[in-house]
Amino acid sequence: MNKYLLFQLETAPNIPSAQLIGFLSIFAPNIHRKNTARDISPLDNIRGVIHQGSTKLRRRKNRRLENTTKIMVKT
């Protein structure tokens, strides 16, 4: 049975998800990405790296819009 870690990150709107994955891949070798920003896809030990494009907007109690990025890494 595979186990996955789920990271849910608050990200600034101007940070592309590919840059975020590249940054995380330094700390978590299980994260892989292709060369171009749009080619991020589930490879080998990744499932659902980025949900629906780059980031999802969600609304907080204080009514500010914030970006969240969900990343799953196989352990």
PDB file of N, CA and C in Angstrom:
ATOM      1  N   MET A   1       0.835  -1.188   0.000  1.00  0.00           N
ATOM      2  CA  MET A   1       0.000   0.000   0.000  1.00  0.00           C
ATOM      3  C   MET A   1       0.878   1.248   0.000  1.00  0.00           C
ATOM      4  N   ASN A   2       0.593   2.144  -0.916  1.00  0.00           N
ATOM      5  CA  ASN A   2       1.399   3.356  -1.033  1.00  0.00           C
ATOM      6  C   ASN A   2       0.940   4.409  -0.035  1.00  0.00           C
ATOM      7  N   LYS A   3       1.908   5.107   0.515  1.00  0.00           N
ATOM      8  CA  LYS A   3       1.598   6.208   1.416  1.00  0.00           C
ATOM      9  C   LYS A   3       2.031   7.505   0.764  1.00  0.00           C
ATOM     10  N   TYR A   4       1.212   8.521   0.933  1.00  0.00           N
ATOM     11  CA  TYR A   4       1.511   9.813   0.334  1.00  0.00           C
ATOM     12  C   TYR A   4       1.477  10.900   1.394  1.00  0.00           C
ATOM     13  N   LEU A   5       2.356  11.862   1.236  1.00  0.00           N
ATOM     14  CA  LEU A   5       2.322  13.059   2.064  1.00  0.00           C
ATOM     15  C   LEU A   5       1.614  14.142   1.269  1.00  0.00           C
ATOM     16  N   LEU A   6       0.719  14.864   1.911  1.00  0.00           N
ATOM     17  CA  LEU A   6       0.017  15.942   1.233  1.00  0.00           C
ATOM     18  C   LEU A   6       0.481  17.269   1.812  1.00  0.00           C
ATOM     19  N   PHE A   7       1.021  18.103   0.942  1.00  0.00           N
ATOM     20  CA  PHE A   7       1.409  19.446   1.337  1.00  0.00           C
ATOM     21  C   PHE A   7       0.352  20.407   0.826  1.00  0.00           C
ATOM     22  N   GLN A   8      -0.167  21.234   1.700  1.00  0.00           N
ATOM     23  CA  GLN A   8      -1.063  22.293   1.255  1.00  0.00           C
ATOM     24  C   GLN A   8      -0.399  23.609   1.614  1.00  0.00           C
ATOM     25  N   LEU A   9      -0.012  24.352   0.615  1.00  0.00           N
ATOM     26  CA  LEU A   9       0.818  25.527   0.823  1.00  0.00           C
ATOM     27  C   LEU A   9       0.060  26.799   0.474  1.00  0.00           C
ATOM     28  N   GLU A  10       0.263  27.812   1.295  1.00  0.00           N
ATOM     29  CA  GLU A  10      -0.247  29.137   0.962  1.00  0.00           C
ATOM     30  C   GLU A  10       0.801  29.790   0.063  1.00  0.00           C
ATOM     31  N   THR A  11       0.404  30.174  -1.132  1.00  0.00           N
ATOM     32  CA  THR A  11       1.371  30.742  -2.059  1.00  0.00           C
ATOM     33  C   THR A  11       0.908  32.120  -2.515  1.00  0.00           C
ATOM     34  N   ALA A  12       1.865  32.953  -2.823  1.00  0.00           N
ATOM     35  CA  ALA A  12       1.545  34.268  -3.363  1.00  0.00           C
ATOM     36  C   ALA A  12       1.045  34.103  -4.795  1.00  0.00           C
ATOM     37  N   PRO A  13       0.172  34.992  -5.235  1.00  0.00           N
ATOM     38  CA  PRO A  13      -0.404  34.854  -6.582  1.00  0.00           C
ATOM     39  C   PRO A  13       0.628  34.917  -7.700  1.00  0.00           C
ATOM     40  N   ASN A  14       1.778  35.557  -7.454  1.00  0.00           N
ATOM     41  CA  ASN A  14       2.742  35.736  -8.536  1.00  0.00           C
ATOM     42  C   ASN A  14       3.791  34.634  -8.594  1.00  0.00           C
ATOM     43  N   ILE A  15       3.653  33.610  -7.745  1.00  0.00           N
ATOM     44  CA  ILE A  15       4.614  32.499  -7.793  1.00  0.00           C
ATOM     45  C   ILE A  15       4.030  31.380  -8.649  1.00  0.00           C
ATOM     46  N   PRO A  16       4.642  31.069  -9.788  1.00  0.00           N
ATOM     47  CA  PRO A  16       4.132  29.972 -10.611  1.00  0.00           C
ATOM     48  C   PRO A  16       4.342  28.625  -9.920  1.00  0.00           C
ATOM     49  N   SER A  17       3.439  27.712 -10.189  1.00  0.00           N
ATOM     50  CA  SER A  17       3.502  26.421  -9.511  1.00  0.00           C
ATOM     51  C   SER A  17       4.774  25.657  -9.877  1.00  0.00           C
ATOM     52  N   ALA A  18       5.263  25.839 -11.097  1.00  0.00           N
ATOM     53  CA  ALA A  18       6.486  25.139 -11.499  1.00  0.00           C
ATOM     54  C   ALA A  18       7.673  25.595 -10.657  1.00  0.00           C
ATOM     55  N   GLN A  19       7.710  26.870 -10.364  1.00  0.00           N
ATOM     56  CA  GLN A  19       8.785  27.406  -9.533  1.00  0.00           C
ATOM     57  C   GLN A  19       8.681  26.838  -8.125  1.00  0.00           C
ATOM     58  N   LEU A  20       7.448  26.700  -7.658  1.00  0.00           N
ATOM     59  CA  LEU A  20       7.216  26.136  -6.328  1.00  0.00           C
ATOM     60  C   LEU A  20       7.674  24.683  -6.263  1.00  0.00           C
ATOM     61  N   ILE A  21       7.338  23.898  -7.277  1.00  0.00           N
ATOM     62  CA  ILE A  21       7.752  22.495  -7.331  1.00  0.00           C
ATOM     63  C   ILE A  21       9.274  22.400  -7.392  1.00  0.00           C
ATOM     64  N   GLY A  22       9.874  23.276  -8.170  1.00  0.00           N
ATOM     65  CA  GLY A  22      11.325  23.268  -8.272  1.00  0.00           C
ATOM     66  C   GLY A  22      11.987  23.554  -6.939  1.00  0.00           C
ATOM     67  N   PHE A  23      11.396  24.477  -6.190  1.00  0.00           N
ATOM     68  CA  PHE A  23      11.924  24.806  -4.871  1.00  0.00           C
ATOM     69  C   PHE A  23      11.768  23.633  -3.905  1.00  0.00           C
ATOM     70  N   LEU A  24      10.593  22.993  -3.954  1.00  0.00           N
ATOM     71  CA  LEU A  24      10.348  21.873  -3.051  1.00  0.00           C
ATOM     72  C   LEU A  24      11.192  20.658  -3.402  1.00  0.00           C
ATOM     73  N   SER A  25      11.535  20.519  -4.684  1.00  0.00           N
ATOM     74  CA  SER A  25      12.288  19.338  -5.093  1.00  0.00           C
ATOM     75  C   SER A  25      13.692  19.318  -4.491  1.00  0.00           C
ATOM     76  N   ILE A  26      14.159  20.474  -4.056  1.00  0.00           N
ATOM     77  CA  ILE A  26      15.453  20.525  -3.373  1.00  0.00           C
ATOM     78  C   ILE A  26      15.360  19.768  -2.047  1.00  0.00           C
ATOM     79  N   PHE A  27      14.224  19.924  -1.369  1.00  0.00           N
ATOM     80  CA  PHE A  27      14.067  19.331  -0.039  1.00  0.00           C
ATOM     81  C   PHE A  27      13.440  17.946  -0.086  1.00  0.00           C
ATOM     82  N   ALA A  28      12.632  17.693  -1.086  1.00  0.00           N
ATOM     83  CA  ALA A  28      11.971  16.394  -1.203  1.00  0.00           C
ATOM     84  C   ALA A  28      12.329  15.786  -2.553  1.00  0.00           C
ATOM     85  N   PRO A  29      13.310  14.883  -2.588  1.00  0.00           N
ATOM     86  CA  PRO A  29      13.774  14.313  -3.854  1.00  0.00           C
ATOM     87  C   PRO A  29      12.696  13.529  -4.601  1.00  0.00           C
ATOM     88  N   ASN A  30      11.612  13.163  -3.920  1.00  0.00           N
ATOM     89  CA  ASN A  30      10.561  12.411  -4.599  1.00  0.00           C
ATOM     90  C   ASN A  30       9.750  13.268  -5.560  1.00  0.00           C
ATOM     91  N   ILE A  31       9.922  14.576  -5.485  1.00  0.00           N
ATOM     92  CA  ILE A  31       9.184  15.449  -6.392  1.00  0.00           C
ATOM     93  C   ILE A  31       9.995  15.608  -7.671  1.00  0.00           C
ATOM     94  N   HIS A  32       9.359  15.319  -8.786  1.00  0.00           N
ATOM     95  CA  HIS A  32      10.021  15.489 -10.076  1.00  0.00           C
ATOM     96  C   HIS A  32       9.220  16.458 -10.908  1.00  0.00           C
ATOM     97  N   ARG A  33       9.873  17.119 -11.823  1.00  0.00           N
ATOM     98  CA  ARG A  33       9.142  17.966 -12.749  1.00  0.00           C
ATOM     99  C   ARG A  33       9.854  17.959 -14.090  1.00  0.00           C
ATOM    100  N   LYS A  34       9.100  18.277 -15.121  1.00  0.00           N
ATOM    101  CA  LYS A  34       9.696  18.382 -16.446  1.00  0.00           C
ATOM    102  C   LYS A  34      10.250  19.786 -16.639  1.00  0.00           C
ATOM    103  N   ASN A  35      10.782  20.044 -17.836  1.00  0.00           N
ATOM    104  CA  ASN A  35      11.472  21.307 -18.066  1.00  0.00           C
ATOM    105  C   ASN A  35      10.540  22.513 -18.134  1.00  0.00           C
ATOM    106  N   THR A  36       9.402  22.347 -18.750  1.00  0.00           N
ATOM    107  CA  THR A  36       8.543  23.507 -18.943  1.00  0.00           C
ATOM    108  C   THR A  36       7.479  23.565 -17.863  1.00  0.00           C
ATOM    109  N   ALA A  37       6.979  24.758 -17.629  1.00  0.00           N
ATOM    110  CA  ALA A  37       6.033  24.980 -16.537  1.00  0.00           C
ATOM    111  C   ALA A  37       4.725  24.232 -16.762  1.00  0.00           C
ATOM    112  N   ARG A  38       4.306  24.088 -17.998  1.00  0.00           N
ATOM    113  CA  ARG A  38       3.003  23.482 -18.264  1.00  0.00           C
ATOM    114  C   ARG A  38       3.066  21.964 -18.327  1.00  0.00           C
ATOM    115  N   ASP A  39       4.249  21.412 -18.334  1.00  0.00           N
ATOM    116  CA  ASP A  39       4.379  19.969 -18.486  1.00  0.00           C
ATOM    117  C   ASP A  39       4.461  19.216 -17.168  1.00  0.00           C
ATOM    118  N   ILE A  40       4.107  19.870 -16.088  1.00  0.00           N
ATOM    119  CA  ILE A  40       4.118  19.155 -14.811  1.00  0.00           C
ATOM    120  C   ILE A  40       3.037  18.089 -14.847  1.00  0.00           C
ATOM    121  N   SER A  41       3.422  16.866 -14.645  1.00  0.00           N
ATOM    122  CA  SER A  41       2.446  15.787 -14.694  1.00  0.00           C
ATOM    123  C   SER A  41       2.848  14.731 -13.673  1.00  0.00           C
ATOM    124  N   PRO A  42       1.893  13.895 -13.272  1.00  0.00           N
ATOM    125  CA  PRO A  42       2.241  12.840 -12.335  1.00  0.00           C
ATOM    126  C   PRO A  42       3.227  11.857 -12.963  1.00  0.00           C
ATOM    127  N   LEU A  43       4.446  11.833 -12.466  1.00  0.00           N
ATOM    128  CA  LEU A  43       5.477  10.936 -12.981  1.00  0.00           C
ATOM    129  C   LEU A  43       5.882   9.979 -11.872  1.00  0.00           C
ATOM    130  N   ASP A  44       6.114   8.731 -12.229  1.00  0.00           N
ATOM    131  CA  ASP A  44       6.645   7.738 -11.302  1.00  0.00           C
ATOM    132  C   ASP A  44       6.016   7.799  -9.911  1.00  0.00           C
ATOM    133  N   ASN A  45       6.686   8.513  -9.018  1.00  0.00           N
ATOM    134  CA  ASN A  45       6.252   8.478  -7.622  1.00  0.00           C
ATOM    135  C   ASN A  45       5.488   9.725  -7.196  1.00  0.00           C
ATOM    136  N   ILE A  46       4.861  10.390  -8.141  1.00  0.00           N
ATOM    137  CA  ILE A  46       4.030  11.536  -7.782  1.00  0.00           C
ATOM    138  C   ILE A  46       2.608  11.278  -8.227  1.00  0.00           C
ATOM    139  N   ARG A  47       1.674  11.648  -7.431  1.00  0.00           N
ATOM    140  CA  ARG A  47       0.276  11.573  -7.813  1.00  0.00           C
ATOM    141  C   ARG A  47      -0.343  12.946  -7.614  1.00  0.00           C
ATOM    142  N   GLY A  48      -0.959  13.460  -8.648  1.00  0.00           N
ATOM    143  CA  GLY A  48      -1.687  14.716  -8.535  1.00  0.00           C
ATOM    144  C   GLY A  48      -0.845  15.843  -7.994  1.00  0.00           C
ATOM    145  N   VAL A  49       0.225  16.159  -8.692  1.00  0.00           N
ATOM    146  CA  VAL A  49       1.144  17.171  -8.186  1.00  0.00           C
ATOM    147  C   VAL A  49       0.436  18.511  -8.011  1.00  0.00           C
ATOM    148  N   ILE A  50      -0.142  18.985  -9.057  1.00  0.00           N
ATOM    149  CA  ILE A  50      -0.888  20.235  -8.972  1.00  0.00           C
ATOM    150  C   ILE A  50      -2.312  19.951  -9.401  1.00  0.00           C
ATOM    151  N   HIS A  51      -3.267  20.340  -8.593  1.00  0.00           N
ATOM    152  CA  HIS A  51      -4.660  20.113  -8.933  1.00  0.00           C
ATOM    153  C   HIS A  51      -5.142  21.218  -9.854  1.00  0.00           C
ATOM    154  N   GLN A  52      -5.641  20.814 -10.996  1.00  0.00           N
ATOM    155  CA  GLN A  52      -6.320  21.720 -11.940  1.00  0.00           C
ATOM    156  C   GLN A  52      -5.452  22.929 -12.255  1.00  0.00           C
ATOM    157  N   GLY A  53      -4.385  22.703 -12.979  1.00  0.00           N
ATOM    158  CA  GLY A  53      -3.546  23.807 -13.397  1.00  0.00           C
ATOM    159  C   GLY A  53      -2.553  24.205 -12.328  1.00  0.00           C
ATOM    160  N   SER A  54      -2.573  25.456 -11.924  1.00  0.00           N
ATOM    161  CA  SER A  54      -1.555  25.915 -10.985  1.00  0.00           C
ATOM    162  C   SER A  54      -2.049  25.903  -9.549  1.00  0.00           C
ATOM    163  N   THR A  55      -2.939  26.802  -9.219  1.00  0.00           N
ATOM    164  CA  THR A  55      -3.349  26.912  -7.827  1.00  0.00           C
ATOM    165  C   THR A  55      -4.852  27.098  -7.739  1.00  0.00           C
ATOM    166  N   LYS A  56      -5.386  26.843  -6.571  1.00  0.00           N
ATOM    167  CA  LYS A  56      -6.804  27.063  -6.330  1.00  0.00           C
ATOM    168  C   LYS A  56      -6.960  28.257  -5.404  1.00  0.00           C
ATOM    169  N   LEU A  57      -7.990  29.035  -5.663  1.00  0.00           N
ATOM    170  CA  LEU A  57      -8.291  30.144  -4.776  1.00  0.00           C
ATOM    171  C   LEU A  57      -9.299  29.694  -3.738  1.00  0.00           C
ATOM    172  N   ARG A  58      -9.079  30.097  -2.518  1.00  0.00           N
ATOM    173  CA  ARG A  58     -10.090  29.810  -1.518  1.00  0.00           C
ATOM    174  C   ARG A  58     -10.302  31.034  -0.653  1.00  0.00           C
ATOM    175  N   ARG A  59     -11.474  31.132  -0.091  1.00  0.00           N
ATOM    176  CA  ARG A  59     -11.843  32.330   0.651  1.00  0.00           C
ATOM    177  C   ARG A  59     -11.762  32.050   2.149  1.00  0.00           C
ATOM    178  N   ARG A  60     -11.096  32.928   2.852  1.00  0.00           N
ATOM    179  CA  ARG A  60     -10.951  32.813   4.294  1.00  0.00           C
ATOM    180  C   ARG A  60     -12.020  33.627   5.010  1.00  0.00           C
ATOM    181  N   LYS A  61     -12.026  33.556   6.331  1.00  0.00           N
ATOM    182  CA  LYS A  61     -13.012  34.292   7.124  1.00  0.00           C
ATOM    183  C   LYS A  61     -12.881  35.801   6.935  1.00  0.00           C
ATOM    184  N   ASN A  62     -11.657  36.256   6.781  1.00  0.00           N
ATOM    185  CA  ASN A  62     -11.448  37.689   6.621  1.00  0.00           C
ATOM    186  C   ASN A  62     -11.687  38.158   5.186  1.00  0.00           C
ATOM    187  N   ARG A  63     -12.215  37.264   4.357  1.00  0.00           N
ATOM    188  CA  ARG A  63     -12.634  37.559   2.982  1.00  0.00           C
ATOM    189  C   ARG A  63     -11.488  37.954   2.056  1.00  0.00           C
ATOM    190  N   ARG A  64     -10.287  37.591   2.425  1.00  0.00           N
ATOM    191  CA  ARG A  64      -9.176  37.767   1.494  1.00  0.00           C
ATOM    192  C   ARG A  64      -9.061  36.522   0.637  1.00  0.00           C
ATOM    193  N   LEU A  65      -8.740  36.692  -0.622  1.00  0.00           N
ATOM    194  CA  LEU A  65      -8.512  35.535  -1.490  1.00  0.00           C
ATOM    195  C   LEU A  65      -7.059  35.119  -1.362  1.00  0.00           C
ATOM    196  N   GLU A  66      -6.849  33.830  -1.144  1.00  0.00           N
ATOM    197  CA  GLU A  66      -5.491  33.313  -1.016  1.00  0.00           C
ATOM    198  C   GLU A  66      -5.316  32.128  -1.946  1.00  0.00           C
ATOM    199  N   ASN A  67      -4.125  31.975  -2.444  1.00  0.00           N
ATOM    200  CA  ASN A  67      -3.819  30.832  -3.292  1.00  0.00           C
ATOM    201  C   ASN A  67      -3.369  29.662  -2.436  1.00  0.00           C
ATOM    202  N   THR A  68      -3.874  28.499  -2.741  1.00  0.00           N
ATOM    203  CA  THR A  68      -3.361  27.302  -2.093  1.00  0.00           C
ATOM    204  C   THR A  68      -2.931  26.316  -3.162  1.00  0.00           C
ATOM    205  N   THR A  69      -1.846  25.643  -2.917  1.00  0.00           N
ATOM    206  CA  THR A  69      -1.341  24.629  -3.818  1.00  0.00           C
ATOM    207  C   THR A  69      -1.249  23.318  -3.060  1.00  0.00           C
ATOM    208  N   LYS A  70      -1.846  22.278  -3.613  1.00  0.00           N
ATOM    209  CA  LYS A  70      -1.786  20.972  -2.968  1.00  0.00           C
ATOM    210  C   LYS A  70      -0.812  20.084  -3.731  1.00  0.00           C
ATOM    211  N   ILE A  71       0.089  19.458  -3.018  1.00  0.00           N
ATOM    212  CA  ILE A  71       1.106  18.602  -3.629  1.00  0.00           C
ATOM    213  C   ILE A  71       1.136  17.277  -2.876  1.00  0.00           C
ATOM    214  N   MET A  72       1.058  16.178  -3.608  1.00  0.00           N
ATOM    215  CA  MET A  72       1.156  14.862  -2.976  1.00  0.00           C
ATOM    216  C   MET A  72       2.467  14.207  -3.369  1.00  0.00           C
ATOM    217  N   VAL A  73       3.192  13.711  -2.391  1.00  0.00           N
ATOM    218  CA  VAL A  73       4.485  13.080  -2.627  1.00  0.00           C
ATOM    219  C   VAL A  73       4.437  11.661  -2.091  1.00  0.00           C
ATOM    220  N   LYS A  74       4.826  10.723  -2.918  1.00  0.00           N
ATOM    221  CA  LYS A  74       4.868   9.325  -2.482  1.00  0.00           C
ATOM    222  C   LYS A  74       6.033   9.123  -1.536  1.00  0.00           C
ATOM    223  N   THR A  75       5.770   8.425  -0.434  1.00  0.00           N
ATOM    224  CA  THR A  75       6.841   8.189   0.538  1.00  0.00           C
ATOM    225  C   THR A  75       7.387   6.783   0.386  1.00  0.00           C
TER     226      THR A  75
END
